[in-house]
Amino acid sequence: MNDLSYYKELQGVMTKFEPLTEAALQNFDTDGLALSEIKSALGKHSLDLQYVIHDPSRPTFGIYYADYDRGLYGDIFLQRNMIKIQNDPQRPVTEELSSGNL
């Protein structure tokens, strides 16, 4: 990855918006997560998988939650250990996202 593309990824430049599918999920390092697990984790916090988008041109920071009607937008890091952290009452990250405070 050259410096320009790395900086674009860090700054959040997206060129494509596509729904996250099982096939697209295979292109990211997700620690073996399935869409059903992601849907379940989001559902616990009143978030919906239909708002998870990805940019196939961004291999590093390419998955987002984007529910513009509710004003919710944020990076999603799909790793099994991140889902465990979000279920930890000491780290209410998902609650902050779902309330619009993040």
PDB file of N, CA and C in Angstrom:
ATOM      1  N   MET A   1       0.854  -1.173   0.000  1.00  0.00           N
ATOM      2  CA  MET A   1       0.000   0.000   0.000  1.00  0.00           C
ATOM      3  C   MET A   1       0.899   1.235   0.000  1.00  0.00           C
ATOM      4  N   ASN A   2       0.647   2.161  -0.915  1.00  0.00           N
ATOM      5  CA  ASN A   2       1.467   3.364  -0.941  1.00  0.00           C
ATOM      6  C   ASN A   2       0.959   4.360   0.098  1.00  0.00           C
ATOM      7  N   ASP A   3       1.748   5.396   0.343  1.00  0.00           N
ATOM      8  CA  ASP A   3       1.411   6.363   1.382  1.00  0.00           C
ATOM      9  C   ASP A   3       0.076   7.056   1.131  1.00  0.00           C
ATOM     10  N   LEU A   4      -0.206   7.432  -0.120  1.00  0.00           N
ATOM     11  CA  LEU A   4      -1.441   8.146  -0.418  1.00  0.00           C
ATOM     12  C   LEU A   4      -2.664   7.297  -0.108  1.00  0.00           C
ATOM     13  N   SER A   5      -2.668   6.045  -0.523  1.00  0.00           N
ATOM     14  CA  SER A   5      -3.834   5.205  -0.253  1.00  0.00           C
ATOM     15  C   SER A   5      -3.978   4.940   1.242  1.00  0.00           C
ATOM     16  N   TYR A   6      -2.861   4.818   1.956  1.00  0.00           N
ATOM     17  CA  TYR A   6      -2.918   4.626   3.409  1.00  0.00           C
ATOM     18  C   TYR A   6      -3.553   5.846   4.083  1.00  0.00           C
ATOM     19  N   TYR A   7      -3.137   7.048   3.697  1.00  0.00           N
ATOM     20  CA  TYR A   7      -3.694   8.261   4.288  1.00  0.00           C
ATOM     21  C   TYR A   7      -5.167   8.434   3.940  1.00  0.00           C
ATOM     22  N   LYS A   8      -5.551   8.051   2.722  1.00  0.00           N
ATOM     23  CA  LYS A   8      -6.962   8.122   2.354  1.00  0.00           C
ATOM     24  C   LYS A   8      -7.787   7.211   3.251  1.00  0.00           C
ATOM     25  N   GLU A   9      -7.259   6.028   3.531  1.00  0.00           N
ATOM     26  CA  GLU A   9      -7.992   5.120   4.408  1.00  0.00           C
ATOM     27  C   GLU A   9      -8.115   5.688   5.810  1.00  0.00           C
ATOM     28  N   LEU A  10      -7.034   6.253   6.325  1.00  0.00           N
ATOM     29  CA  LEU A  10      -7.082   6.830   7.668  1.00  0.00           C
ATOM     30  C   LEU A  10      -8.049   7.996   7.751  1.00  0.00           C
ATOM     31  N   GLN A  11      -8.164   8.758   6.673  1.00  0.00           N
ATOM     32  CA  GLN A  11      -9.044   9.919   6.677  1.00  0.00           C
ATOM     33  C   GLN A  11     -10.479   9.577   6.332  1.00  0.00           C
ATOM     34  N   GLY A  12     -10.737   8.333   5.992  1.00  0.00           N
ATOM     35  CA  GLY A  12     -12.109   7.915   5.746  1.00  0.00           C
ATOM     36  C   GLY A  12     -12.619   8.155   4.339  1.00  0.00           C
ATOM     37  N   VAL A  13     -11.740   8.246   3.359  1.00  0.00           N
ATOM     38  CA  VAL A  13     -12.174   8.457   1.985  1.00  0.00           C
ATOM     39  C   VAL A  13     -12.744   7.151   1.441  1.00  0.00           C
ATOM     40  N   MET A  14     -14.031   7.178   1.068  1.00  0.00           N
ATOM     41  CA  MET A  14     -14.663   5.989   0.504  1.00  0.00           C
ATOM     42  C   MET A  14     -15.010   6.270  -0.945  1.00  0.00           C
ATOM     43  N   THR A  15     -14.799   5.299  -1.792  1.00  0.00           N
ATOM     44  CA  THR A  15     -15.130   5.466  -3.204  1.00  0.00           C
ATOM     45  C   THR A  15     -16.325   4.631  -3.616  1.00  0.00           C
ATOM     46  N   LYS A  16     -16.652   3.607  -2.853  1.00  0.00           N
ATOM     47  CA  LYS A  16     -17.787   2.733  -3.169  1.00  0.00           C
ATOM     48  C   LYS A  16     -18.540   2.426  -1.879  1.00  0.00           C
ATOM     49  N   PHE A  17     -19.852   2.283  -1.998  1.00  0.00           N
ATOM     50  CA  PHE A  17     -20.670   1.896  -0.858  1.00  0.00           C
ATOM     51  C   PHE A  17     -21.452   0.662  -1.271  1.00  0.00           C
ATOM     52  N   GLU A  18     -21.210  -0.434  -0.611  1.00  0.00           N
ATOM     53  CA  GLU A  18     -21.922  -1.671  -0.916  1.00  0.00           C
ATOM     54  C   GLU A  18     -22.378  -2.315   0.375  1.00  0.00           C
ATOM     55  N   PRO A  19     -23.525  -2.978   0.354  1.00  0.00           N
ATOM     56  CA  PRO A  19     -23.958  -3.708   1.556  1.00  0.00           C
ATOM     57  C   PRO A  19     -22.971  -4.828   1.871  1.00  0.00           C
ATOM     58  N   LEU A  20     -22.824  -5.115   3.123  1.00  0.00           N
ATOM     59  CA  LEU A  20     -21.925  -6.194   3.527  1.00  0.00           C
ATOM     60  C   LEU A  20     -22.623  -7.530   3.299  1.00  0.00           C
ATOM     61  N   THR A  21     -21.986  -8.383   2.533  1.00  0.00           N
ATOM     62  CA  THR A  21     -22.513  -9.711   2.245  1.00  0.00           C
ATOM     63  C   THR A  21     -21.536 -10.751   2.774  1.00  0.00           C
ATOM     64  N   GLU A  22     -21.983 -11.980   2.791  1.00  0.00           N
ATOM     65  CA  GLU A  22     -21.116 -13.078   3.245  1.00  0.00           C
ATOM     66  C   GLU A  22     -19.876 -13.166   2.351  1.00  0.00           C
ATOM     67  N   ALA A  23     -20.056 -12.981   1.035  1.00  0.00           N
ATOM     68  CA  ALA A  23     -18.925 -13.034   0.100  1.00  0.00           C
ATOM     69  C   ALA A  23     -17.950 -11.886   0.350  1.00  0.00           C
ATOM     70  N   ALA A  24     -18.475 -10.684   0.571  1.00  0.00           N
ATOM     71  CA  ALA A  24     -17.609  -9.528   0.835  1.00  0.00           C
ATOM     72  C   ALA A  24     -16.879  -9.686   2.162  1.00  0.00           C
ATOM     73  N   LEU A  25     -17.537 -10.296   3.122  1.00  0.00           N
ATOM     74  CA  LEU A  25     -16.952 -10.502   4.445  1.00  0.00           C
ATOM     75  C   LEU A  25     -15.671 -11.330   4.368  1.00  0.00           C
ATOM     76  N   GLN A  26     -15.596 -12.222   3.392  1.00  0.00           N
ATOM     77  CA  GLN A  26     -14.412 -13.071   3.236  1.00  0.00           C
ATOM     78  C   GLN A  26     -13.172 -12.280   2.841  1.00  0.00           C
ATOM     79  N   ASN A  27     -13.363 -11.068   2.311  1.00  0.00           N
ATOM     80  CA  ASN A  27     -12.229 -10.239   1.884  1.00  0.00           C
ATOM     81  C   ASN A  27     -11.602  -9.457   3.033  1.00  0.00           C
ATOM     82  N   PHE A  28     -12.207  -9.501   4.194  1.00  0.00           N
ATOM     83  CA  PHE A  28     -11.698  -8.784   5.354  1.00  0.00           C
ATOM     84  C   PHE A  28     -11.234  -9.791   6.405  1.00  0.00           C
ATOM     85  N   ASP A  29     -10.298  -9.382   7.229  1.00  0.00           N
ATOM     86  CA  ASP A  29      -9.840 -10.228   8.326  1.00  0.00           C
ATOM     87  C   ASP A  29     -10.823 -10.066   9.479  1.00  0.00           C
ATOM     88  N   THR A  30     -11.794 -10.960   9.553  1.00  0.00           N
ATOM     89  CA  THR A  30     -12.864 -10.829  10.543  1.00  0.00           C
ATOM     90  C   THR A  30     -12.824 -11.913  11.603  1.00  0.00           C
ATOM     91  N   ASP A  31     -11.722 -12.617  11.703  1.00  0.00           N
ATOM     92  CA  ASP A  31     -11.584 -13.645  12.733  1.00  0.00           C
ATOM     93  C   ASP A  31     -12.660 -14.723  12.598  1.00  0.00           C
ATOM     94  N   GLY A  32     -13.113 -14.966  11.361  1.00  0.00           N
ATOM     95  CA  GLY A  32     -14.085 -16.019  11.120  1.00  0.00           C
ATOM     96  C   GLY A  32     -15.517 -15.690  11.459  1.00  0.00           C
ATOM     97  N   LEU A  33     -15.837 -14.420  11.696  1.00  0.00           N
ATOM     98  CA  LEU A  33     -17.213 -14.047  12.020  1.00  0.00           C
ATOM     99  C   LEU A  33     -18.133 -14.281  10.835  1.00  0.00           C
ATOM    100  N   ALA A  34     -19.341 -14.696  11.122  1.00  0.00           N
ATOM    101  CA  ALA A  34     -20.374 -14.853  10.096  1.00  0.00           C
ATOM    102  C   ALA A  34     -21.361 -13.686  10.205  1.00  0.00           C
ATOM    103  N   LEU A  35     -22.088 -13.437   9.127  1.00  0.00           N
ATOM    104  CA  LEU A  35     -23.075 -12.354   9.148  1.00  0.00           C
ATOM    105  C   LEU A  35     -24.110 -12.560  10.248  1.00  0.00           C
ATOM    106  N   SER A  36     -24.471 -13.799  10.520  1.00  0.00           N
ATOM    107  CA  SER A  36     -25.463 -14.063  11.567  1.00  0.00           C
ATOM    108  C   SER A  36     -24.953 -13.608  12.942  1.00  0.00           C
ATOM    109  N   GLU A  37     -23.659 -13.789  13.197  1.00  0.00           N
ATOM    110  CA  GLU A  37     -23.079 -13.338  14.472  1.00  0.00           C
ATOM    111  C   GLU A  37     -23.052 -11.817  14.554  1.00  0.00           C
ATOM    112  N   ILE A  38     -22.728 -11.185  13.445  1.00  0.00           N
ATOM    113  CA  ILE A  38     -22.689  -9.723  13.402  1.00  0.00           C
ATOM    114  C   ILE A  38     -24.086  -9.164  13.599  1.00  0.00           C
ATOM    115  N   LYS A  39     -25.061  -9.766  12.930  1.00  0.00           N
ATOM    116  CA  LYS A  39     -26.457  -9.330  13.063  1.00  0.00           C
ATOM    117  C   LYS A  39     -26.924  -9.463  14.506  1.00  0.00           C
ATOM    118  N   SER A  40     -26.573 -10.558  15.146  1.00  0.00           N
ATOM    119  CA  SER A  40     -26.962 -10.775  16.542  1.00  0.00           C
ATOM    120  C   SER A  40     -26.326  -9.738  17.465  1.00  0.00           C
ATOM    121  N   ALA A  41     -25.035  -9.467  17.269  1.00  0.00           N
ATOM    122  CA  ALA A  41     -24.331  -8.487  18.115  1.00  0.00           C
ATOM    123  C   ALA A  41     -24.922  -7.088  17.936  1.00  0.00           C
ATOM    124  N   LEU A  42     -25.238  -6.723  16.703  1.00  0.00           N
ATOM    125  CA  LEU A  42     -25.838  -5.409  16.455  1.00  0.00           C
ATOM    126  C   LEU A  42     -27.247  -5.339  17.032  1.00  0.00           C
ATOM    127  N   GLY A  43     -28.005  -6.421  16.856  1.00  0.00           N
ATOM    128  CA  GLY A  43     -29.386  -6.452  17.328  1.00  0.00           C
ATOM    129  C   GLY A  43     -29.520  -6.259  18.826  1.00  0.00           C
ATOM    130  N   LYS A  44     -28.530  -6.690  19.581  1.00  0.00           N
ATOM    131  CA  LYS A  44     -28.560  -6.512  21.038  1.00  0.00           C
ATOM    132  C   LYS A  44     -28.584  -5.041  21.432  1.00  0.00           C
ATOM    133  N   HIS A  45     -28.203  -4.176  20.464  1.00  0.00           N
ATOM    134  CA  HIS A  45     -28.113  -2.746  20.756  1.00  0.00           C
ATOM    135  C   HIS A  45     -29.009  -1.924  19.835  1.00  0.00           C
ATOM    136  N   SER A  46     -30.049  -2.576  19.322  1.00  0.00           N
ATOM    137  CA  SER A  46     -31.026  -1.924  18.448  1.00  0.00           C
ATOM    138  C   SER A  46     -30.396  -1.363  17.177  1.00  0.00           C
ATOM    139  N   LEU A  47     -29.370  -2.022  16.686  1.00  0.00           N
ATOM    140  CA  LEU A  47     -28.751  -1.652  15.416  1.00  0.00           C
ATOM    141  C   LEU A  47     -29.066  -2.745  14.401  1.00  0.00           C
ATOM    142  N   ASP A  48     -29.041  -2.406  13.123  1.00  0.00           N
ATOM    143  CA  ASP A  48     -29.492  -3.325  12.084  1.00  0.00           C
ATOM    144  C   ASP A  48     -28.390  -3.584  11.062  1.00  0.00           C
ATOM    145  N   LEU A  49     -28.227  -4.835  10.697  1.00  0.00           N
ATOM    146  CA  LEU A  49     -27.208  -5.238   9.731  1.00  0.00           C
ATOM    147  C   LEU A  49     -27.389  -4.562   8.376  1.00  0.00           C
ATOM    148  N   GLN A  50     -28.608  -4.159   8.044  1.00  0.00           N
ATOM    149  CA  GLN A  50     -28.839  -3.538   6.738  1.00  0.00           C
ATOM    150  C   GLN A  50     -28.073  -2.224   6.580  1.00  0.00           C
ATOM    151  N   TYR A  51     -27.615  -1.626   7.679  1.00  0.00           N
ATOM    152  CA  TYR A  51     -26.874  -0.377   7.616  1.00  0.00           C
ATOM    153  C   TYR A  51     -25.363  -0.573   7.649  1.00  0.00           C
ATOM    154  N   VAL A  52     -24.923  -1.809   7.641  1.00  0.00           N
ATOM    155  CA  VAL A  52     -23.490  -2.078   7.591  1.00  0.00           C
ATOM    156  C   VAL A  52     -23.079  -2.077   6.130  1.00  0.00           C
ATOM    157  N   ILE A  53     -22.141  -1.185   5.801  1.00  0.00           N
ATOM    158  CA  ILE A  53     -21.671  -1.068   4.427  1.00  0.00           C
ATOM    159  C   ILE A  53     -20.169  -1.311   4.396  1.00  0.00           C
ATOM    160  N   HIS A  54     -19.673  -1.568   3.208  1.00  0.00           N
ATOM    161  CA  HIS A  54     -18.233  -1.720   3.065  1.00  0.00           C
ATOM    162  C   HIS A  54     -17.797  -1.101   1.751  1.00  0.00           C
ATOM    163  N   ASP A  55     -16.525  -0.781   1.678  1.00  0.00           N
ATOM    164  CA  ASP A  55     -15.908  -0.247   0.472  1.00  0.00           C
ATOM    165  C   ASP A  55     -14.864  -1.270   0.045  1.00  0.00           C
ATOM    166  N   PRO A  56     -15.119  -2.011  -1.031  1.00  0.00           N
ATOM    167  CA  PRO A  56     -14.180  -3.053  -1.448  1.00  0.00           C
ATOM    168  C   PRO A  56     -12.818  -2.520  -1.874  1.00  0.00           C
ATOM    169  N   SER A  57     -12.711  -1.222  -2.113  1.00  0.00           N
ATOM    170  CA  SER A  57     -11.410  -0.660  -2.492  1.00  0.00           C
ATOM    171  C   SER A  57     -10.543  -0.338  -1.280  1.00  0.00           C
ATOM    172  N   ARG A  58     -11.086  -0.496  -0.069  1.00  0.00           N
ATOM    173  CA  ARG A  58     -10.340  -0.179   1.148  1.00  0.00           C
ATOM    174  C   ARG A  58     -10.092  -1.453   1.942  1.00  0.00           C
ATOM    175  N   PRO A  59      -8.907  -2.021   1.845  1.00  0.00           N
ATOM    176  CA  PRO A  59      -8.639  -3.291   2.519  1.00  0.00           C
ATOM    177  C   PRO A  59      -8.458  -3.195   4.036  1.00  0.00           C
ATOM    178  N   THR A  60      -8.177  -2.027   4.557  1.00  0.00           N
ATOM    179  CA  THR A  60      -7.876  -1.919   5.990  1.00  0.00           C
ATOM    180  C   THR A  60      -9.042  -1.388   6.801  1.00  0.00           C
ATOM    181  N   PHE A  61      -9.500  -0.199   6.506  1.00  0.00           N
ATOM    182  CA  PHE A  61     -10.600   0.419   7.253  1.00  0.00           C
ATOM    183  C   PHE A  61     -11.792   0.543   6.328  1.00  0.00           C
ATOM    184  N   GLY A  62     -12.446  -0.565   6.011  1.00  0.00           N
ATOM    185  CA  GLY A  62     -13.454  -0.529   4.967  1.00  0.00           C
ATOM    186  C   GLY A  62     -14.857  -0.900   5.373  1.00  0.00           C
ATOM    187  N   ILE A  63     -15.161  -1.066   6.659  1.00  0.00           N
ATOM    188  CA  ILE A  63     -16.505  -1.472   7.067  1.00  0.00           C
ATOM    189  C   ILE A  63     -17.065  -0.413   8.026  1.00  0.00           C
ATOM    190  N   TYR A  64     -18.298   0.013   7.749  1.00  0.00           N
ATOM    191  CA  TYR A  64     -18.909   1.095   8.518  1.00  0.00           C
ATOM    192  C   TYR A  64     -20.360   0.777   8.851  1.00  0.00           C
ATOM    193  N   TYR A  65     -20.838   1.423   9.888  1.00  0.00           N
ATOM    194  CA  TYR A  65     -22.260   1.437  10.183  1.00  0.00           C
ATOM    195  C   TYR A  65     -22.750   2.801   9.742  1.00  0.00           C
ATOM    196  N   ALA A  66     -23.735   2.842   8.852  1.00  0.00           N
ATOM    197  CA  ALA A  66     -24.195   4.120   8.304  1.00  0.00           C
ATOM    198  C   ALA A  66     -25.718   4.159   8.239  1.00  0.00           C
ATOM    199  N   ASP A  67     -26.325   4.630   9.309  1.00  0.00           N
ATOM    200  CA  ASP A  67     -27.775   4.828   9.368  1.00  0.00           C
ATOM    201  C   ASP A  67     -27.990   6.333   9.411  1.00  0.00           C
ATOM    202  N   TYR A  68     -28.067   6.922   8.234  1.00  0.00           N
ATOM    203  CA  TYR A  68     -28.148   8.376   8.151  1.00  0.00           C
ATOM    204  C   TYR A  68     -29.472   8.918   8.655  1.00  0.00           C
ATOM    205  N   ASP A  69     -30.551   8.127   8.569  1.00  0.00           N
ATOM    206  CA  ASP A  69     -31.844   8.595   9.066  1.00  0.00           C
ATOM    207  C   ASP A  69     -31.805   8.852  10.571  1.00  0.00           C
ATOM    208  N   ARG A  70     -31.020   8.052  11.286  1.00  0.00           N
ATOM    209  CA  ARG A  70     -30.888   8.233  12.746  1.00  0.00           C
ATOM    210  C   ARG A  70     -29.634   9.009  13.117  1.00  0.00           C
ATOM    211  N   GLY A  71     -28.849   9.398  12.112  1.00  0.00           N
ATOM    212  CA  GLY A  71     -27.629  10.161  12.371  1.00  0.00           C
ATOM    213  C   GLY A  71     -26.509   9.323  12.960  1.00  0.00           C
ATOM    214  N   LEU A  72     -26.476   8.040  12.628  1.00  0.00           N
ATOM    215  CA  LEU A  72     -25.461   7.145  13.171  1.00  0.00           C
ATOM    216  C   LEU A  72     -24.480   6.744  12.083  1.00  0.00           C
ATOM    217  N   TYR A  73     -23.202   7.006  12.324  1.00  0.00           N
ATOM    218  CA  TYR A  73     -22.170   6.651  11.374  1.00  0.00           C
ATOM    219  C   TYR A  73     -20.898   6.359  12.157  1.00  0.00           C
ATOM    220  N   GLY A  74     -20.283   5.226  11.893  1.00  0.00           N
ATOM    221  CA  GLY A  74     -19.048   4.916  12.601  1.00  0.00           C
ATOM    222  C   GLY A  74     -18.341   3.709  12.013  1.00  0.00           C
ATOM    223  N   ASP A  75     -17.056   3.621  12.269  1.00  0.00           N
ATOM    224  CA  ASP A  75     -16.255   2.469  11.857  1.00  0.00           C
ATOM    225  C   ASP A  75     -16.711   1.232  12.611  1.00  0.00           C
ATOM    226  N   ILE A  76     -16.635   0.106  11.953  1.00  0.00           N
ATOM    227  CA  ILE A  76     -16.901  -1.167  12.613  1.00  0.00           C
ATOM    228  C   ILE A  76     -15.678  -2.049  12.414  1.00  0.00           C
ATOM    229  N   PHE A  77     -15.180  -2.602  13.501  1.00  0.00           N
ATOM    230  CA  PHE A  77     -14.052  -3.520  13.450  1.00  0.00           C
ATOM    231  C   PHE A  77     -14.586  -4.911  13.761  1.00  0.00           C
ATOM    232  N   LEU A  78     -14.729  -5.700  12.734  1.00  0.00           N
ATOM    233  CA  LEU A  78     -15.373  -7.004  12.869  1.00  0.00           C
ATOM    234  C   LEU A  78     -14.365  -8.071  13.277  1.00  0.00           C
ATOM    235  N   GLN A  79     -14.135  -8.116  14.549  1.00  0.00           N
ATOM    236  CA  GLN A  79     -13.269  -9.125  15.153  1.00  0.00           C
ATOM    237  C   GLN A  79     -14.021  -9.718  16.334  1.00  0.00           C
ATOM    238  N   ARG A  80     -13.882 -10.990  16.519  1.00  0.00           N
ATOM    239  CA  ARG A  80     -14.569 -11.660  17.620  1.00  0.00           C
ATOM    240  C   ARG A  80     -14.211 -11.008  18.969  1.00  0.00           C
ATOM    241  N   ASN A  81     -12.960 -10.638  19.151  1.00  0.00           N
ATOM    242  CA  ASN A  81     -12.570 -10.014  20.422  1.00  0.00           C
ATOM    243  C   ASN A  81     -13.207  -8.632  20.593  1.00  0.00           C
ATOM    244  N   MET A  82     -13.495  -7.920  19.498  1.00  0.00           N
ATOM    245  CA  MET A  82     -14.158  -6.616  19.611  1.00  0.00           C
ATOM    246  C   MET A  82     -15.616  -6.789  20.034  1.00  0.00           C
ATOM    247  N   ILE A  83     -16.260  -7.835  19.559  1.00  0.00           N
ATOM    248  CA  ILE A  83     -17.640  -8.098  19.982  1.00  0.00           C
ATOM    249  C   ILE A  83     -17.669  -8.417  21.468  1.00  0.00           C
ATOM    250  N   LYS A  84     -16.682  -9.170  21.943  1.00  0.00           N
ATOM    251  CA  LYS A  84     -16.608  -9.472  23.375  1.00  0.00           C
ATOM    252  C   LYS A  84     -16.390  -8.206  24.185  1.00  0.00           C
ATOM    253  N   ILE A  85     -15.539  -7.293  23.703  1.00  0.00           N
ATOM    254  CA  ILE A  85     -15.289  -6.030  24.407  1.00  0.00           C
ATOM    255  C   ILE A  85     -16.579  -5.224  24.480  1.00  0.00           C
ATOM    256  N   GLN A  86     -17.332  -5.190  23.389  1.00  0.00           N
ATOM    257  CA  GLN A  86     -18.556  -4.401  23.380  1.00  0.00           C
ATOM    258  C   GLN A  86     -19.621  -4.983  24.280  1.00  0.00           C
ATOM    259  N   ASN A  87     -19.531  -6.262  24.587  1.00  0.00           N
ATOM    260  CA  ASN A  87     -20.473  -6.861  25.523  1.00  0.00           C
ATOM    261  C   ASN A  87     -20.030  -6.668  26.969  1.00  0.00           C
ATOM    262  N   ASP A  88     -18.857  -6.098  27.162  1.00  0.00           N
ATOM    263  CA  ASP A  88     -18.312  -5.832  28.490  1.00  0.00           C
ATOM    264  C   ASP A  88     -18.953  -4.546  29.034  1.00  0.00           C
ATOM    265  N   PRO A  89     -19.582  -4.589  30.200  1.00  0.00           N
ATOM    266  CA  PRO A  89     -20.237  -3.396  30.741  1.00  0.00           C
ATOM    267  C   PRO A  89     -19.273  -2.244  31.017  1.00  0.00           C
ATOM    268  N   GLN A  90     -17.989  -2.518  31.081  1.00  0.00           N
ATOM    269  CA  GLN A  90     -17.014  -1.453  31.297  1.00  0.00           C
ATOM    270  C   GLN A  90     -16.736  -0.665  30.010  1.00  0.00           C
ATOM    271  N   ARG A  91     -17.146  -1.206  28.856  1.00  0.00           N
ATOM    272  CA  ARG A  91     -16.862  -0.568  27.574  1.00  0.00           C
ATOM    273  C   ARG A  91     -18.141  -0.492  26.731  1.00  0.00           C
ATOM    274  N   PRO A  92     -19.048   0.421  27.043  1.00  0.00           N
ATOM    275  CA  PRO A  92     -20.333   0.476  26.339  1.00  0.00           C
ATOM    276  C   PRO A  92     -20.249   1.193  24.986  1.00  0.00           C
ATOM    277  N   VAL A  93     -19.358   0.747  24.123  1.00  0.00           N
ATOM    278  CA  VAL A  93     -19.151   1.403  22.839  1.00  0.00           C
ATOM    279  C   VAL A  93     -20.397   1.331  21.967  1.00  0.00           C
ATOM    280  N   THR A  94     -21.018   0.175  21.889  1.00  0.00           N
ATOM    281  CA  THR A  94     -22.175   0.018  21.018  1.00  0.00           C
ATOM    282  C   THR A  94     -23.342   0.858  21.508  1.00  0.00           C
ATOM    283  N   GLU A  95     -23.509   0.978  22.816  1.00  0.00           N
ATOM    284  CA  GLU A  95     -24.580   1.815  23.342  1.00  0.00           C
ATOM    285  C   GLU A  95     -24.362   3.272  22.950  1.00  0.00           C
ATOM    286  N   GLU A  96     -23.094   3.709  22.972  1.00  0.00           N
ATOM    287  CA  GLU A  96     -22.791   5.075  22.577  1.00  0.00           C
ATOM    288  C   GLU A  96     -23.100   5.295  21.110  1.00  0.00           C
ATOM    289  N   LEU A  97     -22.763   4.304  20.280  1.00  0.00           N
ATOM    290  CA  LEU A  97     -23.057   4.425  18.848  1.00  0.00           C
ATOM    291  C   LEU A  97     -24.551   4.472  18.624  1.00  0.00           C
ATOM    292  N   SER A  98     -25.309   3.577  19.256  1.00  0.00           N
ATOM    293  CA  SER A  98     -26.739   3.524  19.029  1.00  0.00           C
ATOM    294  C   SER A  98     -27.459   4.766  19.578  1.00  0.00           C
ATOM    295  N   SER A  99     -26.868   5.460  20.539  1.00  0.00           N
ATOM    296  CA  SER A  99     -27.495   6.661  21.068  1.00  0.00           C
ATOM    297  C   SER A  99     -27.038   7.915  20.318  1.00  0.00           C
ATOM    298  N   GLY A 100     -26.086   7.751  19.399  1.00  0.00           N
ATOM    299  CA  GLY A 100     -25.608   8.889  18.630  1.00  0.00           C
ATOM    300  C   GLY A 100     -24.542   9.706  19.317  1.00  0.00           C
ATOM    301  N   ASN A 101     -23.994   9.203  20.423  1.00  0.00           N
ATOM    302  CA  ASN A 101     -22.990   9.953  21.165  1.00  0.00           C
ATOM    303  C   ASN A 101     -21.567   9.678  20.740  1.00  0.00           C
ATOM    304  N   LEU A 102     -21.379   8.788  19.799  1.00  0.00           N
ATOM    305  CA  LEU A 102     -20.020   8.420  19.402  1.00  0.00           C
ATOM    306  C   LEU A 102     -19.680   8.995  18.066  1.00  0.00           C
TER     307      LEU A 102
END
